[in-house]
N, C-alpha and C. Protein backbone atom coordinates (compact mmCIF):
# COMPACT_ATOMS: atom_id res chain seq x y z
N MET A 1 -15.58 31.40 6.18
CA MET A 1 -15.99 31.43 5.08
C MET A 1 -14.81 32.05 4.56
N VAL A 2 -14.66 31.53 3.27
CA VAL A 2 -12.92 31.90 3.04
C VAL A 2 -13.43 32.75 1.18
N LEU A 3 -12.66 33.68 1.64
CA LEU A 3 -12.64 34.63 0.02
C LEU A 3 -11.03 34.68 -0.85
N PHE A 4 -11.36 34.15 -1.70
CA PHE A 4 -10.20 33.74 -2.27
C PHE A 4 -10.12 34.48 -3.64
N GLN A 5 -9.00 35.30 -4.28
CA GLN A 5 -9.14 35.70 -5.51
C GLN A 5 -7.46 35.40 -6.02
N PRO A 6 -7.26 34.89 -7.61
CA PRO A 6 -6.63 34.16 -8.06
C PRO A 6 -5.62 35.76 -8.42
N HIS A 7 -4.05 35.55 -8.58
CA HIS A 7 -3.67 36.97 -8.68
C HIS A 7 -3.24 36.52 -10.09
N ARG A 8 -2.42 35.87 -10.76
CA ARG A 8 -1.97 35.54 -11.98
C ARG A 8 -2.32 33.87 -12.68
N TYR A 9 -2.27 34.33 -13.78
CA TYR A 9 -3.05 33.08 -14.34
C TYR A 9 -1.48 32.09 -14.54
N THR A 10 -0.32 32.17 -14.60
CA THR A 10 0.62 31.09 -14.49
C THR A 10 0.62 30.70 -13.15
N ARG A 11 -0.01 31.31 -11.77
CA ARG A 11 0.22 30.65 -10.44
C ARG A 11 -1.06 29.98 -10.59
N THR A 12 -2.39 29.99 -11.38
CA THR A 12 -3.04 29.25 -10.83
C THR A 12 -3.03 28.42 -12.14
N ARG A 13 -2.25 28.00 -13.13
CA ARG A 13 -1.98 26.74 -13.45
C ARG A 13 -1.46 25.42 -13.18
N ASP A 14 -0.02 26.70 -12.80
CA ASP A 14 1.19 26.24 -11.83
C ASP A 14 0.49 24.89 -10.60
N LEU A 15 -0.36 25.55 -9.90
CA LEU A 15 -0.74 25.07 -8.82
C LEU A 15 -2.59 24.84 -8.72
N LEU A 16 -2.85 24.05 -9.45
CA LEU A 16 -4.22 23.92 -10.11
C LEU A 16 -4.32 22.69 -9.04
N GLU A 17 -3.41 21.85 -9.24
CA GLU A 17 -3.44 20.89 -8.00
C GLU A 17 -3.82 21.07 -6.67
N ASP A 18 -2.81 21.48 -6.39
CA ASP A 18 -3.05 22.22 -4.46
C ASP A 18 -3.53 22.97 -4.28
N PHE A 19 -4.50 23.93 -5.36
CA PHE A 19 -5.99 24.74 -5.13
C PHE A 19 -7.06 23.99 -4.93
N ALA A 20 -6.98 22.48 -5.56
CA ALA A 20 -7.96 21.40 -5.16
C ALA A 20 -8.16 21.47 -4.25
N LYS A 21 -7.14 20.99 -2.94
CA LYS A 21 -7.26 20.72 -2.06
C LYS A 21 -7.22 21.78 -0.64
N ALA A 22 -6.80 23.00 -1.21
CA ALA A 22 -6.02 23.81 -0.23
C ALA A 22 -7.36 24.59 0.64
N PHE A 23 -8.61 24.22 0.24
CA PHE A 23 -9.48 24.99 0.87
C PHE A 23 -10.53 24.21 1.84
N ASP A 24 -10.38 23.07 1.83
CA ASP A 24 -11.12 21.93 2.46
C ASP A 24 -11.52 22.23 4.09
N GLN A 25 -10.84 22.79 4.42
CA GLN A 25 -11.58 23.33 6.36
C GLN A 25 -11.81 24.46 5.96
N SER A 26 -12.61 25.46 5.12
CA SER A 26 -13.51 26.05 4.97
C SER A 26 -14.68 25.41 4.85
N ASP A 27 -16.32 26.22 5.31
CA ASP A 27 -17.57 25.88 5.40
C ASP A 27 -17.82 26.29 4.10
N VAL A 28 -17.29 27.22 3.72
CA VAL A 28 -18.10 28.41 2.49
C VAL A 28 -16.76 28.98 2.20
N PHE A 29 -16.71 28.60 0.47
CA PHE A 29 -15.23 28.83 -0.47
C PHE A 29 -16.23 30.04 -1.22
N VAL A 30 -15.38 30.92 -1.35
CA VAL A 30 -16.32 32.20 -2.67
C VAL A 30 -14.77 32.53 -3.33
N LEU A 31 -14.93 32.42 -4.79
CA LEU A 31 -13.57 32.44 -5.49
C LEU A 31 -14.22 33.61 -6.47
N GLY A 32 -13.46 34.63 -6.93
CA GLY A 32 -13.32 35.40 -7.62
C GLY A 32 -12.61 35.63 -8.62
N GLY A 33 -12.72 36.18 -9.85
CA GLY A 33 -12.16 35.72 -10.94
C GLY A 33 -10.34 36.58 -10.65
N HIS A 34 -9.76 36.21 -12.10
CA HIS A 34 -8.31 36.74 -11.37
C HIS A 34 -8.55 38.47 -11.69
N LEU A 35 -7.38 38.90 -11.06
CA LEU A 35 -7.18 40.95 -11.41
C LEU A 35 -6.86 40.55 -12.47
N ARG A 36 -7.21 41.82 -12.89
CA ARG A 36 -6.88 42.26 -14.01
C ARG A 36 -5.23 42.76 -14.28
N GLY A 37 -4.75 42.91 -15.68
CA GLY A 37 -3.46 43.45 -15.46
C GLY A 37 -2.13 42.57 -14.78
N ARG A 38 -2.98 41.68 -14.60
CA ARG A 38 -1.79 40.49 -14.08
C ARG A 38 -1.62 39.48 -14.72
N GLY A 39 -0.94 39.77 -15.96
CA GLY A 39 -0.66 38.93 -17.19
C GLY A 39 -1.40 38.36 -18.10
N ALA A 40 -0.78 37.87 -19.04
CA ALA A 40 -1.94 37.24 -20.05
C ALA A 40 -2.59 36.23 -19.46
N THR A 41 -4.04 36.30 -20.24
CA THR A 41 -4.32 34.95 -19.79
C THR A 41 -3.87 33.99 -20.48
N ILE A 42 -4.47 32.74 -20.00
CA ILE A 42 -4.34 31.48 -20.63
C ILE A 42 -5.53 30.90 -20.95
N PRO A 43 -5.13 30.23 -21.93
CA PRO A 43 -6.49 29.33 -22.49
C PRO A 43 -6.40 28.77 -21.43
N GLY A 44 -7.65 27.77 -20.54
CA GLY A 44 -8.18 26.72 -20.10
C GLY A 44 -8.05 27.15 -18.71
N VAL A 45 -7.38 28.10 -18.52
CA VAL A 45 -7.09 28.87 -16.56
C VAL A 45 -7.67 29.94 -16.60
N SER A 46 -9.02 29.87 -15.72
CA SER A 46 -10.07 31.08 -15.10
C SER A 46 -10.42 30.25 -13.63
N GLY A 47 -10.53 31.40 -13.03
CA GLY A 47 -11.51 31.36 -11.73
C GLY A 47 -12.68 30.12 -11.74
N ALA A 48 -13.15 30.17 -12.75
CA ALA A 48 -14.76 29.45 -12.94
C ALA A 48 -13.66 28.29 -13.07
N LYS A 49 -12.76 27.63 -13.91
CA LYS A 49 -12.47 26.49 -13.91
C LYS A 49 -11.92 26.13 -12.72
N LEU A 50 -11.03 26.75 -11.83
CA LEU A 50 -10.35 26.58 -10.61
C LEU A 50 -11.90 26.59 -9.69
N ALA A 51 -12.72 27.10 -9.60
CA ALA A 51 -14.18 26.69 -8.71
C ALA A 51 -14.98 24.83 -8.89
N ASP A 52 -14.54 25.34 -10.50
CA ASP A 52 -14.97 23.80 -11.23
C ASP A 52 -13.86 22.38 -10.44
N ILE A 53 -13.25 22.68 -10.30
CA ILE A 53 -11.92 21.86 -9.66
C ILE A 53 -11.99 21.55 -8.28
N ILE A 54 -12.32 22.97 -8.12
CA ILE A 54 -12.53 22.51 -6.16
C ILE A 54 -13.58 22.32 -6.36
N ARG A 55 -14.52 22.21 -6.49
CA ARG A 55 -16.46 21.40 -6.39
C ARG A 55 -15.84 20.15 -6.48
N VAL A 56 -15.25 19.68 -8.00
CA VAL A 56 -15.19 18.24 -8.26
C VAL A 56 -13.96 17.61 -7.23
N ALA A 57 -13.23 18.10 -6.48
CA ALA A 57 -12.35 17.55 -5.48
C ALA A 57 -13.08 17.24 -3.78
N GLY A 58 -14.27 17.71 -4.39
CA GLY A 58 -15.24 17.79 -2.70
C GLY A 58 -15.76 18.25 -1.61
N HIS A 59 -15.12 19.25 -2.38
CA HIS A 59 -15.64 20.93 -1.10
C HIS A 59 -17.41 21.08 -1.68
N PRO A 60 -17.88 21.14 -0.78
CA PRO A 60 -19.52 21.30 -0.16
C PRO A 60 -20.36 22.55 -0.65
N SER A 61 -19.15 23.80 -0.58
CA SER A 61 -20.06 24.93 -0.85
C SER A 61 -19.06 26.02 -1.93
N VAL A 62 -18.79 25.94 -3.23
CA VAL A 62 -18.07 26.64 -3.90
C VAL A 62 -19.31 27.48 -4.76
N THR A 63 -18.58 29.31 -4.61
CA THR A 63 -18.97 29.96 -5.44
C THR A 63 -17.92 30.94 -5.93
N PHE A 64 -18.71 30.74 -7.45
CA PHE A 64 -17.95 31.58 -8.46
C PHE A 64 -18.00 32.83 -8.57
N VAL A 65 -17.53 34.08 -8.26
CA VAL A 65 -18.15 35.28 -8.45
C VAL A 65 -17.28 36.37 -9.92
N GLU A 66 -17.30 36.29 -10.73
CA GLU A 66 -16.33 37.05 -11.81
C GLU A 66 -15.74 38.18 -11.16
N ARG A 67 -16.49 39.04 -10.68
CA ARG A 67 -16.38 40.73 -10.39
C ARG A 67 -16.39 40.61 -9.23
N LYS A 68 -15.94 41.84 -8.26
CA LYS A 68 -15.85 41.67 -6.70
C LYS A 68 -16.87 42.51 -6.41
N ASP A 69 -17.82 43.51 -7.27
CA ASP A 69 -19.04 43.89 -7.09
C ASP A 69 -20.32 42.94 -7.25
N GLN A 70 -19.82 42.01 -7.58
CA GLN A 70 -21.13 41.05 -8.11
C GLN A 70 -20.77 40.36 -6.41
N LEU A 71 -20.19 40.32 -5.69
CA LEU A 71 -20.31 39.32 -4.60
C LEU A 71 -21.64 39.29 -3.88
N VAL A 72 -21.99 40.49 -3.80
CA VAL A 72 -23.33 40.67 -2.00
C VAL A 72 -24.34 39.84 -3.52
N ASP A 73 -24.53 40.38 -4.17
CA ASP A 73 -25.57 39.80 -5.30
C ASP A 73 -25.69 38.31 -5.53
N SER A 74 -24.58 38.07 -5.26
CA SER A 74 -24.37 36.23 -5.89
C SER A 74 -25.24 35.89 -4.11
N GLY A 75 -25.44 36.17 -3.41
CA GLY A 75 -26.04 35.64 -1.98
C GLY A 75 -24.62 34.83 -1.21
N ALA A 76 -23.36 35.30 -1.58
CA ALA A 76 -22.24 34.68 -0.90
C ALA A 76 -21.80 35.08 0.39
N ALA A 77 -22.03 36.67 0.21
CA ALA A 77 -21.31 36.87 1.50
C ALA A 77 -22.84 37.14 2.37
N PRO A 78 -22.51 37.05 3.73
CA PRO A 78 -23.65 37.90 4.68
C PRO A 78 -23.44 39.30 4.13
N SER A 79 -24.73 39.61 4.52
CA SER A 79 -24.96 41.13 4.41
C SER A 79 -24.22 41.94 5.66
N GLU A 80 -23.99 41.36 6.51
CA GLU A 80 -23.28 42.47 7.75
C GLU A 80 -22.09 41.79 7.76
N SER A 81 -21.20 41.23 6.86
CA SER A 81 -19.79 40.92 7.09
C SER A 81 -19.24 42.09 7.06
N GLY A 82 -19.39 43.09 6.41
CA GLY A 82 -18.06 44.32 6.42
C GLY A 82 -17.23 43.87 5.16
N ILE A 83 -17.34 42.67 4.86
CA ILE A 83 -16.83 42.16 3.43
C ILE A 83 -16.61 43.73 2.90
N SER A 84 -15.55 44.56 2.38
CA SER A 84 -15.70 45.58 1.14
C SER A 84 -15.19 45.29 -0.27
N SER A 85 -14.38 44.30 -0.12
CA SER A 85 -13.44 43.77 -1.72
C SER A 85 -12.77 43.00 -1.28
N LEU A 86 -12.55 41.86 -2.58
CA LEU A 86 -11.80 40.59 -2.39
C LEU A 86 -10.27 41.18 -3.17
N ARG A 87 -9.75 40.47 -2.55
CA ARG A 87 -8.14 41.33 -2.96
C ARG A 87 -7.40 40.12 -3.30
């Protein structure tokens, strides 16, 4: 399982194609929303959009969770995983 949270909108925009295949080796991929306060938002660039691109690229199990407090509720994290947050 891979948990990933994009930090900056500009980095996500610039590396969108690289991110599309970067997580191919993971069985389960959980993507969080961007960190708040890390640069201005860019129209069309979001964690949800990145999740869609990774799905289209063929990843078999992608879950997008906007806020880290929604992680357990999403069913994406095993209940005894010891995961306390996305960073």
